[in-house]
């Protein structure tokens, strides 16, 4: 064992020197040297393992040699102050701090820590309690040990909320979903209640205005601009006006039937007809049409509002700028292989209890409460074949195409009737929108850099601060820079939203069978396709990695 006196402080008490004569004290081991540092006066100092290793090697090499009779000096430990280590996240939205306990030196004090934060330009979102907590932890840590915590967090911007239009009156199509209850509690599917009408002064729609949101900031105090909510115009249609006492309310000015359109609502005069047949002739009316009876074969009905038929539509053509609502059934026949006798088109929804051998085209939803048979249905939204209780609703034969999804109680039939289903076919178009949006954002980045370059080329301010023309030019450049930055932030936010929509496209748009999907149902979801070979139970059918997947657990 080495004598304790071989290890001593240097003159300024900052290092421990190992003074040794190889021929007298050698050979030695690293453990022998390290034990010298266990003395109370050295216990808090940092051992210099590399120096100890070299010292032992040199001493043992000289031991027994002529040169081994001379005293050698080696620094084997040192006093060291504690450290402050600051790590800034790549997105500049958070900073963490690590405090390392001193080796016999001074621990970092609050002023030293604050200077360190200042040198890293960390100035926003600082948490003083977390910093003080780290200092408390540091006080009880052994030498060289460390503690860390996130001590600064930026604030994300709160994007504005888009304006919203909320309809306050029911529409004619909603009568189809609300059959009247009899006194005994049963439901009379034929009695759909009174026609929905409004009177002057009734509130039709309420607008919730867009909000601007609030900007955020990163830990350097740099602003992160928010995306303001998009405004939505609420325009009065015929028979309506903006409430003189409340600019966010749309009210009726005449009595009639409320009709929803893309920009607001209108109140239509109601043309009431018993039957549309050869005696009455074709109908083309500016307003909504109520047909209390049937529309007969070969007849055409056109309306700028809704078309409501209380009876049947048989091999006819109906075209509405609003909804088409048929209380009973739409009954057609097959003329040729791909030609059907009924043609129903609506800018809004198409609603009926029963449909067969018909062409249905709706810019909004298609809703059939009982059966959709051997028809060609196309919707820019959803196709639903189901009653309100989801107990009955068969989609059999023909082709159903819907942008957002298709839902039915049962698809196909036990006889294996060929039925074609298409949905979620527009992801490629969304990807093109993302590409276009990304190109727009990159163009704005270049514009911003060009403005920055122009600003840097300006002569010193002292040379033009009295020149009114130059001041105006600089102001315009700064305004342009701000506008470009705002537009860039909006474009990047839109890109992110579109990317999220593309990424989750097939999880949102799918086909749902409430009870059955029979064999010989041809399913197309995006590029994925499959033809059922057997009966499936309740399930959601999705595009998973470009293959058709039947999910029975999420129903």
Protein backbone atom coordinates (compact mmCIF):
# COMPACT_ATOMS: atom_id res chain seq x y z
CA UNK A 1 0.00 0.00 0.00
CA UNK A 2 1.33 3.42 -0.91
CA UNK A 3 2.01 5.98 1.76
CA UNK A 4 -0.77 8.59 2.04
CA UNK A 5 1.79 11.40 1.93
CA UNK A 6 2.64 10.65 -1.71
CA UNK A 7 -0.49 12.56 -2.78
CA UNK A 8 -0.50 16.31 -2.08
CA UNK A 9 -2.24 19.46 -3.30
CA UNK A 10 -0.41 21.77 -5.63
CA UNK A 11 0.28 25.35 -4.58
CA UNK A 12 -3.12 26.79 -5.56
CA UNK A 13 -5.04 23.79 -4.19
CA UNK A 14 -6.63 23.01 -7.59
CA UNK A 15 -4.88 19.70 -8.39
CA UNK A 16 -3.55 16.65 -6.59
CA UNK A 17 0.04 15.67 -7.38
CA UNK A 18 1.39 12.15 -7.01
CA UNK A 19 5.09 12.35 -6.05
CA UNK A 20 6.84 9.04 -6.37
CA UNK A 21 10.30 7.42 -6.74
CA UNK A 22 9.86 4.33 -8.94
CA UNK A 23 12.71 2.34 -7.36
CA UNK A 24 11.47 3.13 -3.84
CA UNK A 25 7.69 2.87 -4.20
CA UNK A 26 7.22 0.73 -7.30
CA UNK A 27 5.87 -1.28 -8.79
CA UNK A 28 2.36 0.20 -8.35
CA UNK A 29 -1.17 -0.51 -9.62
CA UNK A 30 -3.96 1.83 -10.67
CA UNK A 31 -5.93 0.72 -7.60
CA UNK A 32 -2.98 1.70 -5.35
CA UNK A 33 -2.95 5.20 -6.84
CA UNK A 34 -6.74 5.56 -6.77
CA UNK A 35 -6.81 4.66 -3.05
CA UNK A 36 -4.71 7.75 -2.34
CA UNK A 37 -7.66 9.84 -3.53
CA UNK A 38 -9.97 8.38 -0.87
CA UNK A 39 -8.42 10.70 1.70
CA UNK A 40 -11.03 13.20 3.00
CA UNK A 41 -9.29 16.24 1.50
CA UNK A 42 -9.32 14.66 -1.99
CA UNK A 43 -12.66 12.78 -1.90
CA UNK A 44 -14.61 15.55 -3.66
CA UNK A 45 -12.10 16.00 -6.50
CA UNK A 46 -12.32 14.53 -10.00
CA UNK A 47 -9.92 11.59 -10.57
CA UNK A 48 -7.93 11.87 -13.80
CA UNK A 49 -8.02 8.24 -14.88
CA UNK A 50 -6.03 8.77 -18.05
CA UNK A 51 -3.18 10.40 -16.10
CA UNK A 52 -3.28 7.63 -13.47
CA UNK A 53 -3.03 4.97 -16.19
CA UNK A 54 -0.03 6.69 -17.81
CA UNK A 55 1.63 7.28 -14.45
CA UNK A 56 1.42 3.60 -13.46
CA UNK A 57 2.80 2.54 -16.84
CA UNK A 58 5.76 4.95 -16.59
CA UNK A 59 6.56 4.10 -12.94
CA UNK A 60 6.51 0.36 -13.53
CA UNK A 61 8.67 0.75 -16.65
CA UNK A 62 11.36 2.68 -14.70
CA UNK A 63 11.20 0.49 -11.60
CA UNK A 64 14.64 -1.13 -11.04
CA UNK A 65 16.28 1.09 -13.71
CA UNK A 66 18.88 3.78 -13.14
CA UNK A 67 16.34 6.47 -14.02
CA UNK A 68 14.02 4.99 -11.42
CA UNK A 69 15.84 6.58 -8.54
CA UNK A 70 14.57 10.08 -9.36
CA UNK A 71 11.29 11.53 -8.01
CA UNK A 72 8.47 11.92 -10.56
CA UNK A 73 5.39 14.14 -10.40
CA UNK A 74 1.95 13.24 -11.83
CA UNK A 75 -1.36 15.15 -11.64
CA UNK A 76 -3.96 12.51 -10.67
CA UNK A 77 -7.02 14.60 -9.64
CA UNK A 78 -8.37 18.09 -10.06
CA UNK A 79 -10.88 20.49 -8.67
CA UNK A 80 -13.61 21.40 -11.21
CA UNK A 81 -16.61 23.68 -11.10
CA UNK A 82 -20.07 22.39 -11.96
CA UNK A 83 -21.46 22.66 -15.48
CA UNK A 84 -24.55 24.12 -17.09
CA UNK A 85 -25.55 22.28 -20.28
CA UNK A 86 -28.41 23.72 -22.33
CA UNK A 87 -30.02 21.71 -25.13
CA UNK A 88 -32.44 23.40 -27.52
CA UNK A 89 -34.95 21.29 -29.42
CA UNK A 90 -34.65 21.37 -33.20
CA UNK A 91 -38.00 23.12 -33.58
CA UNK A 92 -36.95 25.80 -31.03
CA UNK A 93 -40.13 25.10 -29.05
CA UNK A 94 -38.42 23.75 -25.92
CA UNK A 95 -35.11 23.87 -24.07
CA UNK A 96 -33.81 21.46 -21.45
CA UNK A 97 -31.06 22.15 -18.95
CA UNK A 98 -28.62 19.74 -17.30
CA UNK A 99 -26.76 20.78 -14.12
CA UNK A 100 -23.65 18.78 -13.25
CA UNK A 101 -22.41 18.83 -9.64
CA UNK A 102 -18.94 20.29 -9.04
CA UNK A 103 -15.83 18.22 -8.20
CA UNK A 104 -14.75 20.21 -5.17
CA UNK A 105 -15.41 23.47 -7.02
CA UNK A 106 -18.38 25.78 -7.22
CA UNK A 107 -21.84 24.59 -8.24
CA UNK A 108 -23.64 26.71 -10.88
CA UNK A 109 -25.49 29.60 -9.25
CA UNK A 110 -28.69 31.22 -10.50
CA UNK A 111 -26.82 34.18 -12.11
CA UNK A 112 -24.49 31.76 -13.95
CA UNK A 113 -27.49 29.74 -15.15
CA UNK A 114 -29.30 32.88 -16.34
CA UNK A 115 -26.18 34.05 -18.20
CA UNK A 116 -25.98 30.63 -19.86
CA UNK A 117 -29.62 30.89 -20.96
CA UNK A 118 -28.95 34.39 -22.25
CA UNK A 119 -25.99 33.18 -24.32
CA UNK A 120 -28.29 30.64 -25.97
CA UNK A 121 -30.95 33.34 -26.50
CA UNK A 122 -33.52 31.46 -24.40
CA UNK A 123 -35.85 34.21 -23.30
CA UNK A 124 -39.48 33.06 -23.61
CA UNK A 125 -41.45 30.35 -21.83
CA UNK A 126 -38.92 30.00 -19.00
CA UNK A 127 -40.06 28.23 -15.84
CA UNK A 128 -38.41 29.73 -12.77
CA UNK A 129 -39.82 27.01 -10.42
CA UNK A 130 -38.20 24.28 -12.57
CA UNK A 131 -34.86 26.10 -12.57
CA UNK A 132 -34.96 26.53 -8.77
CA UNK A 133 -35.95 22.88 -8.39
CA UNK A 134 -32.86 21.83 -10.37
CA UNK A 135 -30.66 24.03 -8.17
CA UNK A 136 -32.12 22.32 -5.06
CA UNK A 137 -31.48 18.87 -6.56
CA UNK A 138 -27.94 19.92 -7.45
CA UNK A 139 -27.16 20.78 -3.81
CA UNK A 140 -27.49 17.13 -2.71
CA UNK A 141 -25.91 15.43 -5.74
CA UNK A 142 -22.55 13.63 -5.43
CA UNK A 143 -19.67 15.14 -7.46
CA UNK A 144 -20.03 14.59 -11.19
CA UNK A 145 -23.69 13.51 -10.98
CA UNK A 146 -26.28 15.52 -12.91
CA UNK A 147 -29.97 16.43 -12.95
CA UNK A 148 -31.97 17.73 -15.88
CA UNK A 149 -35.38 19.10 -16.78
CA UNK A 150 -37.20 21.00 -19.52
CA UNK A 151 -37.00 24.60 -18.33
CA UNK A 152 -38.47 26.54 -21.27
CA UNK A 153 -41.40 25.81 -23.55
CA UNK A 154 -42.67 27.93 -26.43
CA UNK A 155 -46.32 28.50 -27.17
CA UNK A 156 -47.92 27.08 -30.29
CA UNK A 157 -50.22 29.41 -32.19
CA UNK A 158 -53.94 28.94 -31.73
CA UNK A 159 -55.32 28.89 -35.25
CA UNK A 160 -58.58 30.64 -35.90
CA UNK A 161 -61.86 28.74 -36.23
CA UNK A 162 -63.60 28.80 -39.58
CA UNK A 163 -66.96 30.49 -39.85
CA UNK A 164 -69.94 28.18 -39.60
CA UNK A 165 -73.51 28.33 -40.91
CA UNK A 166 -76.08 26.60 -38.72
CA UNK A 167 -79.53 25.91 -40.14
CA UNK A 168 -82.35 26.52 -37.65
CA UNK A 169 -85.33 25.07 -39.52
CA UNK A 170 -86.00 21.52 -40.77
CA UNK A 171 -86.11 20.73 -44.48
CA UNK A 172 -88.59 18.72 -46.49
CA UNK A 173 -86.23 15.74 -46.75
CA UNK A 174 -86.21 15.35 -42.97
CA UNK A 175 -89.89 14.48 -42.98
CA UNK A 176 -88.96 11.22 -44.67
CA UNK A 177 -86.94 10.22 -41.62
CA UNK A 178 -89.63 11.15 -39.11
CA UNK A 179 -92.80 9.10 -39.77
CA UNK A 180 -95.69 9.91 -37.42
CA UNK A 181 -96.38 7.81 -34.35
CA UNK A 182 -99.89 6.39 -33.90
CA UNK A 183 -101.78 6.52 -30.62
CA UNK A 184 -100.90 2.89 -29.90
CA UNK A 185 -97.17 3.67 -30.19
CA UNK A 186 -96.66 2.11 -33.63
CA UNK A 187 -95.27 4.11 -36.53
CA UNK A 188 -97.28 5.03 -39.62
CA UNK A 189 -94.69 5.01 -42.43
CA UNK A 190 -97.21 6.52 -44.86
CA UNK A 191 -98.01 9.52 -42.68
CA UNK A 192 -95.06 11.90 -42.75
CA UNK A 193 -96.84 14.77 -40.99
CA UNK A 194 -97.51 18.30 -42.11
CA UNK A 195 -95.43 19.99 -44.78
CA UNK A 196 -92.58 22.08 -43.40
CA UNK A 197 -93.33 25.76 -43.93
CA UNK A 198 -91.96 29.02 -42.51
CA UNK A 199 -93.49 32.45 -42.07
CA UNK A 200 -92.00 35.97 -42.30
CA UNK A 201 -89.57 36.71 -39.46
CA UNK A 202 -88.64 33.09 -38.79
CA UNK A 203 -84.89 32.59 -38.23
CA UNK A 204 -83.61 30.28 -40.97
CA UNK A 205 -79.88 30.25 -40.40
CA UNK A 206 -77.31 31.61 -37.93
CA UNK A 207 -73.71 32.40 -38.77
CA UNK A 208 -70.90 31.91 -36.28
CA UNK A 209 -68.16 34.26 -37.51
CA UNK A 210 -64.58 33.13 -38.04
CA UNK A 211 -62.04 33.85 -35.33
CA UNK A 212 -58.56 35.24 -35.97
CA UNK A 213 -56.76 33.02 -33.45
CA UNK A 214 -53.62 34.06 -31.56
CA UNK A 215 -49.96 33.98 -32.54
CA UNK A 216 -47.48 31.76 -30.72
CA UNK A 217 -43.76 32.08 -30.04
CA UNK A 218 -40.67 29.92 -29.72
CA UNK A 219 -38.19 29.99 -26.83
CA UNK A 220 -36.14 32.66 -28.66
CA UNK A 221 -39.15 34.96 -28.60
CA UNK A 222 -39.71 34.71 -32.35
CA UNK A 223 -43.38 34.95 -33.31
CA UNK A 224 -45.13 31.95 -34.86
CA UNK A 225 -48.01 33.24 -36.90
CA UNK A 226 -51.41 31.65 -36.59
CA UNK A 227 -53.72 30.74 -39.48
CA UNK A 228 -56.83 32.86 -39.32
CA UNK A 229 -60.19 31.13 -39.65
CA UNK A 230 -61.76 31.26 -43.09
CA UNK A 231 -64.80 33.41 -43.48
CA UNK A 232 -67.97 32.00 -44.95
CA UNK A 233 -70.47 34.14 -46.77
CA UNK A 234 -74.12 33.85 -45.73
CA UNK A 235 -76.04 35.28 -48.64
CA UNK A 236 -79.79 35.81 -48.57
CA UNK A 237 -81.69 33.99 -51.30
CA UNK A 238 -85.14 34.78 -52.59
CA UNK A 239 -87.67 35.21 -49.81
CA UNK A 240 -84.99 35.89 -47.17
CA UNK A 241 -82.92 38.75 -45.78
CA UNK A 242 -80.21 39.41 -43.21
CA UNK A 243 -81.86 40.36 -39.91
CA UNK A 244 -81.64 44.19 -39.63
CA UNK A 245 -80.97 43.81 -35.90
CA UNK A 246 -78.41 40.99 -36.15
CA UNK A 247 -76.05 40.62 -39.14
CA UNK A 248 -75.42 36.97 -38.23
CA UNK A 249 -79.05 35.87 -38.66
CA UNK A 250 -80.88 35.05 -41.88
CA UNK A 251 -84.66 35.41 -41.64
CA UNK A 252 -87.62 34.66 -43.88
CA UNK A 253 -89.47 37.56 -45.53
CA UNK A 254 -92.26 35.50 -47.06
CA UNK A 255 -94.21 32.39 -46.20
CA UNK A 256 -93.15 29.22 -48.00
CA UNK A 257 -90.90 26.20 -47.94
CA UNK A 258 -87.29 26.64 -46.66
CA UNK A 259 -84.62 25.41 -49.08
CA UNK A 260 -80.91 25.22 -48.29
CA UNK A 261 -78.37 26.19 -50.94
CA UNK A 262 -74.58 26.45 -51.02
CA UNK A 263 -74.45 30.04 -49.75
CA UNK A 264 -77.41 30.20 -47.37
CA UNK A 265 -81.11 29.61 -47.72
CA UNK A 266 -84.12 30.69 -49.71
CA UNK A 267 -87.86 30.47 -49.16
CA UNK A 268 -89.69 29.19 -52.18
CA UNK A 269 -93.20 29.66 -53.26
CA UNK A 270 -94.79 26.25 -53.22
CA UNK A 271 -96.33 24.91 -56.42
CA UNK A 272 -98.73 22.18 -55.39
CA UNK A 273 -99.80 19.57 -57.95
CA UNK A 274 -101.87 16.44 -57.50
CA UNK A 275 -100.35 14.29 -60.26
CA UNK A 276 -97.82 14.96 -63.01
CA UNK A 277 -99.13 13.05 -66.03
CA UNK A 278 -99.82 13.62 -69.70
CA UNK A 279 -102.88 15.68 -68.80
CA UNK A 280 -100.85 18.10 -66.65
CA UNK A 281 -97.69 18.10 -68.82
CA UNK A 282 -94.05 18.62 -67.93
CA UNK A 283 -93.24 20.99 -65.03
CA UNK A 284 -90.51 23.66 -64.91
CA UNK A 285 -90.96 25.93 -61.89
CA UNK A 286 -88.93 28.68 -60.18
CA UNK A 287 -89.51 27.55 -56.62
CA UNK A 288 -90.24 24.33 -54.76
CA UNK A 289 -92.73 21.79 -56.00
CA UNK A 290 -95.04 19.60 -53.92
CA UNK A 291 -96.66 16.72 -55.80
CA UNK A 292 -99.28 15.15 -53.54
CA UNK A 293 -99.77 12.18 -55.87
CA UNK A 294 -97.46 10.52 -58.40
CA UNK A 295 -95.14 11.42 -61.27
CA UNK A 296 -96.14 9.19 -64.18
CA UNK A 297 -94.12 7.54 -66.92
CA UNK A 298 -92.29 9.78 -69.37
CA UNK A 299 -92.94 13.01 -67.43
CA UNK A 300 -90.29 15.64 -66.58
CA UNK A 301 -90.22 17.83 -63.47
CA UNK A 302 -87.66 20.61 -63.01
CA UNK A 303 -87.39 22.94 -59.98
CA UNK A 304 -85.07 25.70 -58.76
CA UNK A 305 -85.81 24.49 -55.22
CA UNK A 306 -86.90 21.13 -53.78
CA UNK A 307 -89.12 18.54 -55.43
CA UNK A 308 -91.28 16.63 -52.95
CA UNK A 309 -93.37 13.70 -54.21
CA UNK A 310 -95.82 12.19 -51.73
CA UNK A 311 -96.50 9.15 -53.94
CA UNK A 312 -94.44 7.29 -56.54
CA UNK A 313 -92.14 8.31 -59.38
CA UNK A 314 -92.40 5.93 -62.32
CA UNK A 315 -89.96 6.04 -65.27
CA UNK A 316 -89.70 9.83 -65.15
CA UNK A 317 -87.06 12.58 -65.05
CA UNK A 318 -86.72 14.82 -61.97
CA UNK A 319 -84.17 17.63 -61.72
CA UNK A 320 -83.88 19.91 -58.66
CA UNK A 321 -81.46 22.63 -57.58
CA UNK A 322 -82.38 21.60 -54.04
CA UNK A 323 -83.39 18.15 -52.78
CA UNK A 324 -85.52 15.46 -54.35
CA UNK A 325 -87.71 13.76 -51.73
CA UNK A 326 -89.95 10.85 -52.69
CA UNK A 327 -92.10 9.61 -49.83
CA UNK A 328 -92.89 6.22 -51.35
CA UNK A 329 -90.86 4.82 -54.21
CA UNK A 330 -88.91 5.53 -57.39
CA UNK A 331 -89.83 2.71 -59.75
CA UNK A 332 -88.13 2.27 -63.10
CA UNK A 333 -87.26 -0.48 -65.52
CA UNK A 334 -84.30 -1.51 -67.62
CA UNK A 335 -84.61 -0.29 -71.20
CA UNK A 336 -81.31 -1.61 -72.52
CA UNK A 337 -78.26 -3.19 -70.88
CA UNK A 338 -76.97 0.09 -69.44
CA UNK A 339 -80.06 2.26 -69.84
CA UNK A 340 -82.62 2.78 -67.06
CA UNK A 341 -85.97 4.54 -67.28
CA UNK A 342 -85.75 6.82 -64.21
CA UNK A 343 -83.35 9.80 -64.09
CA UNK A 344 -83.19 11.71 -60.81
CA UNK A 345 -80.72 14.60 -60.36
CA UNK A 346 -80.33 16.89 -57.31
CA UNK A 347 -77.87 19.59 -56.34
CA UNK A 348 -78.77 18.65 -52.77
CA UNK A 349 -79.86 15.24 -51.49
CA UNK A 350 -81.97 12.47 -52.96
CA UNK A 351 -84.21 10.76 -50.39
CA UNK A 352 -86.68 7.93 -50.96
CA UNK A 353 -88.02 4.81 -49.28
CA UNK A 354 -87.62 2.49 -52.26
CA UNK A 355 -85.68 2.75 -55.55
CA UNK A 356 -85.31 0.33 -58.46
CA UNK A 357 -83.83 0.58 -61.97
CA UNK A 358 -83.02 4.28 -61.62
CA UNK A 359 -80.16 6.67 -62.31
CA UNK A 360 -79.56 8.78 -59.18
CA UNK A 361 -77.08 11.68 -59.21
CA UNK A 362 -76.72 13.88 -56.11
CA UNK A 363 -74.13 16.50 -55.18
CA UNK A 364 -74.94 15.75 -51.53
CA UNK A 365 -76.11 12.50 -49.88
CA UNK A 366 -78.32 9.76 -51.28
CA UNK A 367 -80.57 8.27 -48.59
CA UNK A 368 -82.83 5.27 -49.21
CA UNK A 369 -84.65 3.92 -46.18
CA UNK A 370 -85.67 0.46 -47.45
CA UNK A 371 -84.23 -0.83 -50.73
CA UNK A 372 -81.96 0.40 -53.53
CA UNK A 373 -82.19 -2.16 -56.31
CA UNK A 374 -80.42 -2.49 -59.69
CA UNK A 375 -79.73 1.23 -59.91
CA UNK A 376 -76.79 3.44 -60.83
CA UNK A 377 -76.27 5.83 -57.91
CA UNK A 378 -73.64 8.54 -57.75
CA UNK A 379 -73.06 10.87 -54.78
CA UNK A 380 -70.42 13.50 -54.06
CA UNK A 381 -70.89 12.67 -50.38
CA UNK A 382 -72.42 9.51 -48.80
CA UNK A 383 -74.84 6.82 -49.92
CA UNK A 384 -76.91 5.34 -47.09
CA UNK A 385 -79.41 2.51 -47.48
CA UNK A 386 -80.95 2.04 -44.05
CA UNK A 387 -83.95 2.90 -41.94
CA UNK A 388 -83.35 4.99 -38.79
CA UNK A 389 -83.00 1.85 -36.63
CA UNK A 390 -80.45 0.23 -39.00
CA UNK A 391 -82.58 -2.93 -39.16
CA UNK A 392 -83.64 -2.73 -42.79
CA UNK A 393 -81.90 -1.44 -45.88
CA UNK A 394 -80.77 -3.51 -48.87
CA UNK A 395 -78.45 -2.34 -51.63
CA UNK A 396 -78.74 -4.98 -54.36
CA UNK A 397 -77.41 -4.98 -57.91
CA UNK A 398 -76.34 -2.07 -60.06
CA UNK A 399 -73.52 0.32 -59.21
CA UNK A 400 -73.18 2.67 -56.23
CA UNK A 401 -70.45 5.34 -56.28
CA UNK A 402 -69.87 7.73 -53.37
CA UNK A 403 -66.89 10.00 -52.67
CA UNK A 404 -66.98 9.69 -48.89
CA UNK A 405 -68.47 6.28 -48.15
CA UNK A 406 -71.33 3.81 -48.51
CA UNK A 407 -73.44 2.34 -45.71
CA UNK A 408 -76.19 -0.27 -45.92
CA UNK A 409 -77.74 -2.89 -43.69
CA UNK A 410 -77.06 -5.51 -46.39
CA UNK A 411 -75.09 -5.48 -49.65
CA UNK A 412 -76.02 -7.93 -52.40
CA UNK A 413 -78.40 -10.87 -52.03
CA UNK A 414 -78.34 -14.55 -51.10
CA UNK A 415 -78.71 -15.36 -54.81
CA UNK A 416 -75.29 -13.77 -55.46
CA UNK A 417 -76.60 -10.81 -57.47
CA UNK A 418 -73.70 -8.83 -58.93
CA UNK A 419 -73.40 -5.54 -57.03
CA UNK A 420 -70.68 -2.92 -57.63
CA UNK A 421 -69.51 -0.51 -54.93
CA UNK A 422 -67.07 2.36 -55.48
CA UNK A 423 -65.88 4.85 -52.86
CA UNK A 424 -62.85 6.94 -51.89
CA UNK A 425 -61.66 7.22 -55.48
CA UNK A 426 -60.19 10.74 -55.16
CA UNK A 427 -56.97 10.39 -53.13
CA UNK A 428 -54.90 11.07 -56.26
CA UNK A 429 -56.66 14.42 -56.67
CA UNK A 430 -55.91 15.25 -53.02
CA UNK A 431 -52.24 14.38 -53.56
CA UNK A 432 -52.19 16.77 -56.52
CA UNK A 433 -53.62 19.49 -54.24
CA UNK A 434 -50.86 18.80 -51.70
CA UNK A 435 -48.24 19.10 -54.45
CA UNK A 436 -49.74 22.35 -55.69
CA UNK A 437 -49.95 23.74 -52.14
CA UNK A 438 -46.35 22.72 -51.42
CA UNK A 439 -45.18 24.46 -54.61
CA UNK A 440 -47.06 27.59 -53.53
CA UNK A 441 -45.39 27.52 -50.09
CA UNK A 442 -41.92 27.06 -51.65
CA UNK A 443 -42.57 29.97 -54.03
CA UNK A 444 -43.44 32.16 -51.02
CA UNK A 445 -40.20 31.07 -49.30
CA UNK A 446 -38.22 32.23 -52.34
CA UNK A 447 -40.16 35.51 -52.39
CA UNK A 448 -39.34 36.05 -48.72
CA UNK A 449 -35.63 35.41 -49.32
CA UNK A 450 -35.63 37.84 -52.25
CA UNK A 451 -37.16 40.58 -50.07
CA UNK A 452 -34.60 39.84 -47.32
CA UNK A 453 -31.80 40.19 -49.90
CA UNK A 454 -33.19 43.51 -51.09
CA UNK A 455 -33.39 44.78 -47.51
CA UNK A 456 -29.78 43.73 -46.81
CA UNK A 457 -28.59 45.67 -49.86
CA UNK A 458 -30.04 48.91 -48.50
CA UNK A 459 -27.46 51.58 -47.55
CA UNK A 460 -27.05 52.40 -43.83
CA UNK A 461 -30.15 53.94 -42.28
CA UNK A 462 -28.28 57.14 -41.51
CA UNK A 463 -27.99 57.80 -45.26
CA UNK A 464 -31.73 57.69 -46.02
CA UNK A 465 -33.64 58.33 -42.79
CA UNK A 466 -34.45 61.88 -43.88
CA UNK A 467 -35.46 60.85 -47.44
CA UNK A 468 -39.29 60.57 -47.45
CA UNK A 469 -39.34 58.64 -50.72
CA UNK A 470 -36.79 56.12 -49.46
CA UNK A 471 -38.64 55.73 -46.16
CA UNK A 472 -41.85 54.96 -48.04
CA UNK A 473 -40.01 52.42 -50.22
CA UNK A 474 -38.55 50.65 -47.17
CA UNK A 475 -41.97 50.64 -45.50
CA UNK A 476 -43.49 49.02 -48.59
CA UNK A 477 -40.76 46.37 -48.58
CA UNK A 478 -41.37 45.61 -44.89
CA UNK A 479 -45.14 45.41 -45.47
CA UNK A 480 -44.52 43.08 -48.40
CA UNK A 481 -42.23 40.95 -46.24
CA UNK A 482 -44.92 40.67 -43.55
CA UNK A 483 -47.62 39.79 -46.09
CA UNK A 484 -45.42 37.12 -47.69
CA UNK A 485 -44.65 35.66 -44.25
CA UNK A 486 -48.37 35.55 -43.40
CA UNK A 487 -49.26 33.93 -46.74
CA UNK A 488 -46.43 31.43 -46.30
CA UNK A 489 -47.68 30.47 -42.83
CA UNK A 490 -51.20 29.99 -44.21
CA UNK A 491 -49.96 27.93 -47.16
CA UNK A 492 -47.83 25.72 -44.91
CA UNK A 493 -50.78 25.20 -42.57
CA UNK A 494 -53.04 24.28 -45.51
CA UNK A 495 -50.35 21.86 -46.76
CA UNK A 496 -50.19 20.22 -43.35
CA UNK A 497 -53.98 19.86 -43.19
CA UNK A 498 -54.09 18.40 -46.71
CA UNK A 499 -51.26 15.99 -45.88
CA UNK A 500 -53.16 14.83 -42.80
CA UNK A 501 -56.26 14.37 -44.93
CA UNK A 502 -54.32 12.33 -47.48
CA UNK A 503 -52.68 10.29 -44.72
CA UNK A 504 -56.00 9.45 -43.05
CA UNK A 505 -58.02 9.28 -46.26
CA UNK A 506 -58.87 5.58 -46.20
CA UNK A 507 -59.49 5.54 -42.45
CA UNK A 508 -62.30 8.10 -42.95
CA UNK A 509 -63.78 6.90 -46.23
CA UNK A 510 -64.99 3.30 -46.25
CA UNK A 511 -67.94 0.93 -46.79
CA UNK A 512 -69.98 -0.25 -43.84
CA UNK A 513 -72.27 -3.28 -43.69
CA UNK A 514 -74.59 -3.21 -40.68
CA UNK A 515 -75.59 -6.88 -40.99
CA UNK A 516 -74.55 -8.68 -44.20
CA UNK A 517 -72.43 -8.47 -47.30
CA UNK A 518 -73.23 -11.38 -49.61
CA UNK A 519 -71.16 -13.04 -52.32
CA UNK A 520 -70.49 -11.48 -55.74
CA UNK A 521 -70.25 -7.94 -54.38
CA UNK A 522 -67.49 -6.11 -56.25
CA UNK A 523 -65.75 -3.62 -53.95
CA UNK A 524 -63.55 -0.73 -55.13
CA UNK A 525 -61.94 1.57 -52.53
CA UNK A 526 -59.34 3.72 -54.24
CA UNK A 527 -57.08 1.39 -56.29
CA UNK A 528 -57.91 -1.60 -54.08
CA UNK A 529 -60.58 -4.01 -55.27
CA UNK A 530 -62.08 -7.35 -54.33
CA UNK A 531 -65.07 -9.52 -55.15
CA UNK A 532 -66.69 -11.32 -52.22
CA UNK A 533 -66.73 -15.11 -52.47
CA UNK A 534 -68.82 -15.73 -49.36
CA UNK A 535 -71.14 -14.00 -46.91
CA UNK A 536 -69.64 -11.63 -44.34
CA UNK A 537 -71.22 -10.38 -41.14
CA UNK A 538 -71.29 -6.80 -39.79
CA UNK A 539 -68.05 -5.09 -40.78
CA UNK A 540 -66.25 -2.04 -42.07
CA UNK A 541 -64.52 -2.54 -45.40
CA UNK A 542 -61.44 -0.39 -45.89
CA UNK A 543 -58.43 0.12 -48.11
CA UNK A 544 -55.49 -1.10 -46.01
CA UNK A 545 -52.12 -0.82 -47.80
CA UNK A 546 -53.96 -0.86 -51.14
CA UNK A 547 -55.78 -4.09 -50.33
CA UNK A 548 -59.42 -4.59 -49.33
CA UNK A 549 -59.65 -5.32 -45.59
CA UNK A 550 -62.72 -6.53 -43.68
CA UNK A 551 -62.71 -5.18 -40.14
CA UNK A 552 -65.25 -7.02 -37.98
CA UNK A 553 -64.15 -5.58 -34.62
CA UNK A 554 -64.70 -1.86 -35.17
CA UNK A 555 -68.37 -2.16 -36.13
